[in-house]
């Protein structure tokens, strides 16, 4: 029954990490997050510089500024974590929706996700559909973003 995905077997797999790393939507979201994180870090650095400039200021002033910096840094770290989780979820939702449609279109009963930790011990040659899925997923992304740019 399971000879090759090209022969329409019912069970195939994707390499999850390869799919995420090669998906244009994930790459774009990562770059957007990285730019935001750099902006946040610049603000923290700016506040640190302000704090250093207060070396001769009264202790109470320095303490207040230190507390503000720590609160701001903690808030930024929390915001960054939430933003990263939100973006990751959005990307995974896109990938999962595409995989669901791909599976229906190609009449698969299962599409398994393999990770680097090796949860698939053996797979026959031709059952890895990662590249085909990635091509289709990126083509869909390109179509959606060409439409959005118009």
N, C-alpha and C. Protein backbone atom coordinates (compact mmCIF):
# COMPACT_ATOMS: atom_id res chain seq x y z
N UNK A 1 0.81 -1.18 0.00
CA UNK A 1 0.00 0.00 0.00
C UNK A 1 0.86 1.25 0.00
N UNK A 2 1.93 1.29 0.79
CA UNK A 2 2.76 2.48 0.87
C UNK A 2 4.03 2.26 0.03
N UNK A 3 3.96 2.57 -1.28
CA UNK A 3 5.13 2.39 -2.11
C UNK A 3 5.82 3.71 -2.42
N UNK A 4 5.05 4.72 -2.78
CA UNK A 4 5.65 6.01 -3.12
C UNK A 4 4.56 7.06 -3.19
N UNK A 5 4.88 8.26 -2.74
CA UNK A 5 3.89 9.34 -2.79
C UNK A 5 3.55 9.69 -4.23
N UNK A 6 4.50 9.51 -5.16
CA UNK A 6 4.21 9.81 -6.54
C UNK A 6 3.15 8.84 -7.09
N UNK A 7 3.01 7.71 -6.45
CA UNK A 7 2.00 6.73 -6.86
C UNK A 7 0.75 6.82 -5.98
N UNK A 8 0.55 7.94 -5.34
CA UNK A 8 -0.63 8.24 -4.53
C UNK A 8 -0.83 7.31 -3.35
N UNK A 9 0.22 7.08 -2.59
CA UNK A 9 0.05 6.35 -1.35
C UNK A 9 -0.79 7.21 -0.42
N UNK A 10 -1.28 6.62 0.61
CA UNK A 10 -2.14 7.35 1.52
C UNK A 10 -1.36 7.99 2.67
N UNK A 11 -0.12 7.59 2.86
CA UNK A 11 0.67 8.13 3.97
C UNK A 11 1.98 8.68 3.42
N UNK A 12 2.23 9.94 3.73
CA UNK A 12 3.48 10.59 3.36
C UNK A 12 3.93 11.43 4.54
N UNK A 13 5.06 12.09 4.39
CA UNK A 13 5.53 12.93 5.47
C UNK A 13 6.21 14.17 4.92
N UNK A 14 6.32 15.15 5.80
CA UNK A 14 7.06 16.37 5.50
C UNK A 14 8.11 16.54 6.59
N UNK A 15 9.18 17.20 6.23
CA UNK A 15 10.20 17.56 7.22
C UNK A 15 9.79 18.94 7.73
N UNK A 16 9.24 18.96 8.92
CA UNK A 16 8.64 20.18 9.48
C UNK A 16 9.61 21.35 9.52
N UNK A 17 10.82 21.14 10.00
CA UNK A 17 11.79 22.24 10.09
C UNK A 17 12.16 22.78 8.72
N UNK A 18 12.35 21.89 7.75
CA UNK A 18 12.68 22.34 6.39
C UNK A 18 11.54 23.16 5.81
N UNK A 19 10.32 22.74 6.09
CA UNK A 19 9.15 23.45 5.57
C UNK A 19 9.07 24.86 6.16
N UNK A 20 9.24 24.96 7.45
CA UNK A 20 9.17 26.27 8.10
C UNK A 20 10.33 27.16 7.67
N UNK A 21 11.53 26.59 7.60
CA UNK A 21 12.71 27.38 7.22
C UNK A 21 12.66 27.85 5.77
N UNK A 22 11.98 27.09 4.91
CA UNK A 22 11.93 27.45 3.50
C UNK A 22 10.69 28.22 3.09
N UNK A 23 9.74 28.37 4.00
CA UNK A 23 8.49 29.05 3.67
C UNK A 23 8.68 30.56 3.68
N UNK A 24 8.37 31.20 2.57
CA UNK A 24 8.55 32.64 2.43
C UNK A 24 7.77 33.42 3.49
N UNK A 25 6.59 32.94 3.83
CA UNK A 25 5.80 33.62 4.86
C UNK A 25 6.51 33.61 6.21
N UNK A 26 7.15 32.50 6.55
CA UNK A 26 7.88 32.41 7.81
C UNK A 26 9.12 33.30 7.78
N UNK A 27 9.78 33.33 6.63
CA UNK A 27 10.98 34.15 6.50
C UNK A 27 10.61 35.63 6.64
N UNK A 28 9.53 36.04 5.99
CA UNK A 28 9.07 37.43 6.07
C UNK A 28 8.71 37.80 7.50
N UNK A 29 7.96 36.93 8.18
CA UNK A 29 7.57 37.21 9.56
C UNK A 29 8.78 37.30 10.47
N UNK A 30 9.76 36.44 10.24
CA UNK A 30 10.98 36.46 11.04
C UNK A 30 11.72 37.79 10.86
N UNK A 31 11.80 38.24 9.62
CA UNK A 31 12.49 39.51 9.35
C UNK A 31 11.75 40.68 9.99
N UNK A 32 10.41 40.67 9.93
CA UNK A 32 9.63 41.73 10.56
C UNK A 32 9.85 41.74 12.08
N UNK A 33 9.85 40.57 12.67
CA UNK A 33 10.06 40.46 14.11
C UNK A 33 11.47 40.95 14.47
N UNK A 34 12.44 40.55 13.68
CA UNK A 34 13.82 40.95 13.94
C UNK A 34 13.96 42.47 13.90
N UNK A 35 13.30 43.11 12.96
CA UNK A 35 13.35 44.58 12.86
C UNK A 35 12.70 45.23 14.09
N UNK A 36 11.57 44.68 14.52
CA UNK A 36 10.91 45.21 15.73
C UNK A 36 11.81 45.03 16.95
N UNK A 37 12.40 43.86 17.07
CA UNK A 37 13.25 43.56 18.22
C UNK A 37 14.46 44.49 18.25
N UNK A 38 15.00 44.82 17.09
CA UNK A 38 16.14 45.75 17.04
C UNK A 38 15.71 47.14 17.52
N UNK A 39 14.51 47.54 17.13
CA UNK A 39 13.99 48.84 17.59
C UNK A 39 13.82 48.86 19.10
N UNK A 40 13.30 47.79 19.64
CA UNK A 40 13.12 47.71 21.09
C UNK A 40 14.47 47.74 21.79
N UNK A 41 15.44 47.00 21.24
CA UNK A 41 16.76 46.96 21.85
C UNK A 41 17.42 48.33 21.80
N UNK A 42 17.22 49.06 20.72
CA UNK A 42 17.79 50.40 20.62
C UNK A 42 17.22 51.31 21.71
N UNK A 43 15.94 51.17 21.99
CA UNK A 43 15.33 51.98 23.05
C UNK A 43 15.91 51.60 24.42
N UNK A 44 16.09 50.31 24.67
CA UNK A 44 16.70 49.86 25.92
C UNK A 44 18.13 50.41 26.02
N UNK A 45 18.87 50.34 24.92
CA UNK A 45 20.24 50.86 24.91
C UNK A 45 20.25 52.36 25.19
N UNK A 46 19.30 53.06 24.62
CA UNK A 46 19.20 54.51 24.83
C UNK A 46 18.94 54.83 26.30
N UNK A 47 18.04 54.06 26.90
CA UNK A 47 17.75 54.27 28.33
C UNK A 47 18.97 53.93 29.19
N UNK A 48 19.71 52.90 28.79
CA UNK A 48 20.93 52.55 29.53
C UNK A 48 21.95 53.67 29.45
N UNK A 49 22.06 54.27 28.29
CA UNK A 49 22.98 55.39 28.12
C UNK A 49 22.57 56.57 29.00
N UNK A 50 21.25 56.83 29.03
CA UNK A 50 20.75 57.90 29.90
C UNK A 50 21.10 57.61 31.35
N UNK A 51 20.96 56.36 31.75
CA UNK A 51 21.26 55.97 33.12
C UNK A 51 22.75 56.17 33.42
N UNK A 52 23.60 55.80 32.51
CA UNK A 52 25.04 55.99 32.70
C UNK A 52 25.41 57.47 32.82
N UNK A 53 24.66 58.31 32.10
CA UNK A 53 24.93 59.75 32.16
C UNK A 53 24.55 60.34 33.52
N UNK A 54 23.78 59.59 34.29
CA UNK A 54 23.36 60.07 35.60
C UNK A 54 24.32 59.63 36.71
N UNK A 55 25.52 59.26 36.36
CA UNK A 55 26.46 58.75 37.36
C UNK A 55 26.73 59.75 38.50
N UNK A 56 26.62 61.02 38.19
CA UNK A 56 26.87 62.03 39.23
C UNK A 56 25.58 62.56 39.83
N UNK A 57 24.47 62.05 39.39
CA UNK A 57 23.17 62.49 39.91
C UNK A 57 22.95 61.89 41.30
N UNK A 58 22.01 62.44 42.05
CA UNK A 58 21.69 61.87 43.37
C UNK A 58 21.26 60.40 43.26
N UNK A 59 21.55 59.66 44.29
CA UNK A 59 21.26 58.22 44.31
C UNK A 59 19.78 57.96 44.05
N UNK A 60 18.91 58.76 44.62
CA UNK A 60 17.46 58.57 44.43
C UNK A 60 17.08 58.70 42.95
N UNK A 61 17.69 59.64 42.26
CA UNK A 61 17.41 59.83 40.83
C UNK A 61 17.89 58.63 40.04
N UNK A 62 19.10 58.16 40.35
CA UNK A 62 19.64 56.99 39.65
C UNK A 62 18.78 55.76 39.92
N UNK A 63 18.37 55.57 41.15
CA UNK A 63 17.55 54.41 41.51
C UNK A 63 16.23 54.43 40.77
N UNK A 64 15.62 55.58 40.70
CA UNK A 64 14.34 55.71 39.98
C UNK A 64 14.54 55.37 38.50
N UNK A 65 15.61 55.89 37.91
CA UNK A 65 15.89 55.63 36.49
C UNK A 65 16.19 54.15 36.26
N UNK A 66 16.94 53.54 37.18
CA UNK A 66 17.25 52.10 37.07
C UNK A 66 15.96 51.27 37.11
N UNK A 67 15.07 51.62 38.02
CA UNK A 67 13.80 50.90 38.12
C UNK A 67 12.97 51.07 36.85
N UNK A 68 12.96 52.28 36.30
CA UNK A 68 12.23 52.51 35.05
C UNK A 68 12.82 51.65 33.92
N UNK A 69 14.14 51.62 33.85
CA UNK A 69 14.80 50.83 32.83
C UNK A 69 14.47 49.34 32.98
N UNK A 70 14.53 48.85 34.21
CA UNK A 70 14.23 47.43 34.44
C UNK A 70 12.78 47.10 34.09
N UNK A 71 11.85 47.97 34.47
CA UNK A 71 10.44 47.74 34.14
C UNK A 71 10.23 47.77 32.62
N UNK A 72 10.86 48.74 31.98
CA UNK A 72 10.73 48.85 30.53
C UNK A 72 11.31 47.61 29.84
N UNK A 73 12.51 47.19 30.28
CA UNK A 73 13.15 46.01 29.69
C UNK A 73 12.28 44.77 29.87
N UNK A 74 11.73 44.59 31.07
CA UNK A 74 10.85 43.45 31.32
C UNK A 74 9.60 43.49 30.44
N UNK A 75 9.02 44.68 30.30
CA UNK A 75 7.83 44.84 29.47
C UNK A 75 8.15 44.53 28.01
N UNK A 76 9.31 44.98 27.55
CA UNK A 76 9.73 44.73 26.17
C UNK A 76 9.97 43.24 25.95
N UNK A 77 10.60 42.58 26.91
CA UNK A 77 10.83 41.14 26.78
C UNK A 77 9.52 40.38 26.70
N UNK A 78 8.56 40.79 27.52
CA UNK A 78 7.25 40.14 27.50
C UNK A 78 6.55 40.42 26.17
N UNK A 79 6.62 41.65 25.71
CA UNK A 79 6.01 42.02 24.44
C UNK A 79 6.66 41.25 23.29
N UNK A 80 7.96 41.11 23.32
CA UNK A 80 8.68 40.38 22.28
C UNK A 80 8.27 38.91 22.26
N UNK A 81 8.16 38.33 23.43
CA UNK A 81 7.75 36.93 23.53
C UNK A 81 6.33 36.74 22.98
N UNK A 82 5.42 37.63 23.35
CA UNK A 82 4.04 37.54 22.86
C UNK A 82 3.98 37.74 21.35
N UNK A 83 4.73 38.70 20.85
CA UNK A 83 4.76 38.97 19.41
C UNK A 83 5.33 37.77 18.66
N UNK A 84 6.39 37.19 19.17
CA UNK A 84 6.98 36.02 18.54
C UNK A 84 5.99 34.85 18.53
N UNK A 85 5.29 34.64 19.62
CA UNK A 85 4.29 33.57 19.68
C UNK A 85 3.16 33.82 18.69
N UNK A 86 2.72 35.08 18.60
CA UNK A 86 1.64 35.43 17.69
C UNK A 86 2.06 35.18 16.23
N UNK A 87 3.26 35.63 15.89
CA UNK A 87 3.74 35.45 14.52
C UNK A 87 3.95 33.97 14.20
N UNK A 88 4.51 33.23 15.13
CA UNK A 88 4.73 31.80 14.93
C UNK A 88 3.41 31.08 14.73
N UNK A 89 2.42 31.41 15.55
CA UNK A 89 1.10 30.79 15.41
C UNK A 89 0.48 31.11 14.05
N UNK A 90 0.61 32.36 13.62
CA UNK A 90 0.06 32.75 12.32
C UNK A 90 0.71 31.96 11.19
N UNK A 91 2.02 31.80 11.24
CA UNK A 91 2.73 31.05 10.20
C UNK A 91 2.31 29.58 10.24
N UNK A 92 2.26 29.00 11.43
CA UNK A 92 1.86 27.59 11.54
C UNK A 92 0.42 27.38 11.09
N UNK A 93 -0.45 28.33 11.38
CA UNK A 93 -1.84 28.24 10.90
C UNK A 93 -1.89 28.23 9.38
N UNK A 94 -1.08 29.09 8.74
CA UNK A 94 -1.03 29.12 7.27
C UNK A 94 -0.53 27.79 6.72
N UNK A 95 0.54 27.29 7.30
CA UNK A 95 1.13 26.03 6.84
C UNK A 95 0.13 24.88 7.03
N UNK A 96 -0.50 24.82 8.19
CA UNK A 96 -1.43 23.73 8.47
C UNK A 96 -2.66 23.79 7.56
N UNK A 97 -3.14 24.99 7.27
CA UNK A 97 -4.28 25.12 6.35
C UNK A 97 -3.89 24.64 4.96
N UNK A 98 -2.69 25.01 4.54
CA UNK A 98 -2.22 24.56 3.23
C UNK A 98 -2.07 23.04 3.21
N UNK A 99 -1.47 22.47 4.25
CA UNK A 99 -1.28 21.02 4.31
C UNK A 99 -2.62 20.28 4.31
N UNK A 100 -3.59 20.83 4.99
CA UNK A 100 -4.92 20.20 5.02
C UNK A 100 -5.51 20.15 3.61
N UNK A 101 -5.42 21.26 2.88
CA UNK A 101 -5.94 21.30 1.52
C UNK A 101 -5.11 20.42 0.60
N UNK A 102 -3.80 20.45 0.78
CA UNK A 102 -2.90 19.62 -0.02
C UNK A 102 -3.25 18.14 0.16
N UNK A 103 -3.44 17.74 1.41
CA UNK A 103 -3.79 16.35 1.69
C UNK A 103 -5.10 15.94 1.03
N UNK A 104 -6.09 16.83 1.08
CA UNK A 104 -7.38 16.53 0.43
C UNK A 104 -7.21 16.45 -1.09
N UNK A 105 -6.50 17.43 -1.65
CA UNK A 105 -6.31 17.47 -3.10
C UNK A 105 -5.56 16.26 -3.63
N UNK A 106 -4.63 15.72 -2.84
CA UNK A 106 -3.82 14.59 -3.28
C UNK A 106 -4.30 13.26 -2.68
N UNK A 107 -5.43 13.28 -2.01
CA UNK A 107 -6.08 12.06 -1.48
C UNK A 107 -5.22 11.29 -0.49
N UNK A 108 -4.53 12.03 0.41
CA UNK A 108 -3.75 11.38 1.45
C UNK A 108 -4.61 11.20 2.68
N UNK A 109 -4.42 10.08 3.33
CA UNK A 109 -5.08 9.83 4.59
C UNK A 109 -4.31 10.50 5.72
N UNK A 110 -2.99 10.46 5.62
CA UNK A 110 -2.11 11.07 6.63
C UNK A 110 -0.97 11.81 5.95
N UNK A 111 -0.61 12.95 6.52
CA UNK A 111 0.66 13.60 6.21
C UNK A 111 1.34 13.77 7.56
N UNK A 112 2.39 13.03 7.75
CA UNK A 112 3.10 13.06 9.02
C UNK A 112 4.16 14.16 9.01
N UNK A 113 4.47 14.66 10.17
CA UNK A 113 5.51 15.67 10.30
C UNK A 113 6.72 15.09 10.97
N UNK A 114 7.85 15.08 10.28
CA UNK A 114 9.10 14.57 10.83
C UNK A 114 9.90 15.73 11.38
N UNK A 115 10.51 15.52 12.53
CA UNK A 115 11.37 16.53 13.12
C UNK A 115 12.79 15.99 13.20
N UNK A 116 13.71 16.86 13.57
CA UNK A 116 15.10 16.43 13.66
C UNK A 116 15.32 15.40 14.77
N UNK A 117 14.38 15.32 15.70
CA UNK A 117 14.53 14.34 16.78
C UNK A 117 14.17 12.93 16.32
N UNK A 118 13.71 12.79 15.07
CA UNK A 118 13.55 11.48 14.47
C UNK A 118 12.31 10.71 14.85
N UNK A 119 11.14 11.34 14.81
CA UNK A 119 9.94 10.61 15.17
C UNK A 119 9.47 9.67 14.06
N UNK A 120 10.06 9.73 12.88
CA UNK A 120 9.82 8.74 11.83
C UNK A 120 11.10 7.92 11.71
N UNK A 121 11.00 6.67 12.04
CA UNK A 121 12.17 5.82 12.06
C UNK A 121 12.54 5.38 10.65
N UNK A 122 11.55 5.07 9.85
CA UNK A 122 11.80 4.64 8.48
C UNK A 122 10.70 5.18 7.59
N UNK A 123 11.10 5.60 6.39
CA UNK A 123 10.14 6.01 5.37
C UNK A 123 10.70 5.58 4.03
N UNK A 124 9.86 4.95 3.24
CA UNK A 124 10.28 4.50 1.91
C UNK A 124 10.64 5.71 1.05
N UNK A 125 11.57 5.49 0.14
CA UNK A 125 11.97 6.55 -0.76
C UNK A 125 10.74 7.04 -1.54
N UNK A 126 10.64 8.35 -1.67
CA UNK A 126 9.51 8.93 -2.41
C UNK A 126 8.33 9.31 -1.53
N UNK A 127 8.42 9.04 -0.23
CA UNK A 127 7.30 9.40 0.65
C UNK A 127 7.49 10.76 1.30
N UNK A 128 8.65 11.39 1.09
CA UNK A 128 8.91 12.74 1.61
C UNK A 128 8.37 13.74 0.59
N UNK A 129 7.35 14.48 0.95
CA UNK A 129 6.72 15.44 0.04
C UNK A 129 7.06 16.88 0.42
N UNK A 130 8.07 17.05 1.24
CA UNK A 130 8.43 18.39 1.73
C UNK A 130 8.65 19.38 0.59
N UNK A 131 9.47 19.03 -0.38
CA UNK A 131 9.79 19.96 -1.46
C UNK A 131 8.57 20.32 -2.29
N UNK A 132 7.72 19.36 -2.58
CA UNK A 132 6.50 19.63 -3.35
C UNK A 132 5.57 20.55 -2.57
N UNK A 133 5.42 20.28 -1.27
CA UNK A 133 4.57 21.11 -0.43
C UNK A 133 5.15 22.52 -0.32
N UNK A 134 6.45 22.62 -0.14
CA UNK A 134 7.10 23.92 -0.01
C UNK A 134 6.93 24.75 -1.29
N UNK A 135 7.08 24.12 -2.44
CA UNK A 135 6.88 24.83 -3.71
C UNK A 135 5.45 25.37 -3.80
N UNK A 136 4.49 24.53 -3.48
CA UNK A 136 3.09 24.96 -3.54
C UNK A 136 2.76 26.03 -2.52
N UNK A 137 3.28 25.88 -1.32
CA UNK A 137 3.05 26.84 -0.25
C UNK A 137 3.64 28.20 -0.61
N UNK A 138 4.85 28.20 -1.14
CA UNK A 138 5.48 29.46 -1.55
C UNK A 138 4.78 30.08 -2.75
N UNK A 139 4.30 29.26 -3.67
CA UNK A 139 3.55 29.78 -4.82
C UNK A 139 2.26 30.43 -4.33
N UNK A 140 1.59 29.80 -3.38
CA UNK A 140 0.37 30.38 -2.80
C UNK A 140 0.69 31.71 -2.12
N UNK A 141 1.77 31.75 -1.38
CA UNK A 141 2.20 32.98 -0.70
C UNK A 141 2.45 34.09 -1.72
N UNK A 142 3.16 33.75 -2.79
CA UNK A 142 3.45 34.74 -3.83
C UNK A 142 2.16 35.26 -4.45
N UNK A 143 1.21 34.37 -4.76
CA UNK A 143 -0.06 34.81 -5.36
C UNK A 143 -0.81 35.74 -4.42
N UNK A 144 -0.86 35.40 -3.13
CA UNK A 144 -1.58 36.22 -2.16
C UNK A 144 -0.93 37.58 -2.00
N UNK A 145 0.38 37.64 -2.03
CA UNK A 145 1.05 38.91 -1.79
C UNK A 145 1.15 39.76 -3.05
N UNK A 146 1.05 39.17 -4.22
CA UNK A 146 0.94 39.97 -5.45
C UNK A 146 -0.42 40.65 -5.47
N UNK A 147 -1.46 39.91 -5.09
CA UNK A 147 -2.82 40.46 -5.02
C UNK A 147 -2.88 41.58 -3.98
N UNK A 148 -2.25 41.37 -2.83
CA UNK A 148 -2.29 42.34 -1.74
C UNK A 148 -1.55 43.62 -2.12
N UNK A 149 -0.54 43.50 -2.95
CA UNK A 149 0.26 44.66 -3.34
C UNK A 149 -0.46 45.54 -4.38
N UNK A 150 -1.43 44.96 -5.06
CA UNK A 150 -2.16 45.72 -6.09
C UNK A 150 -3.10 46.70 -5.50
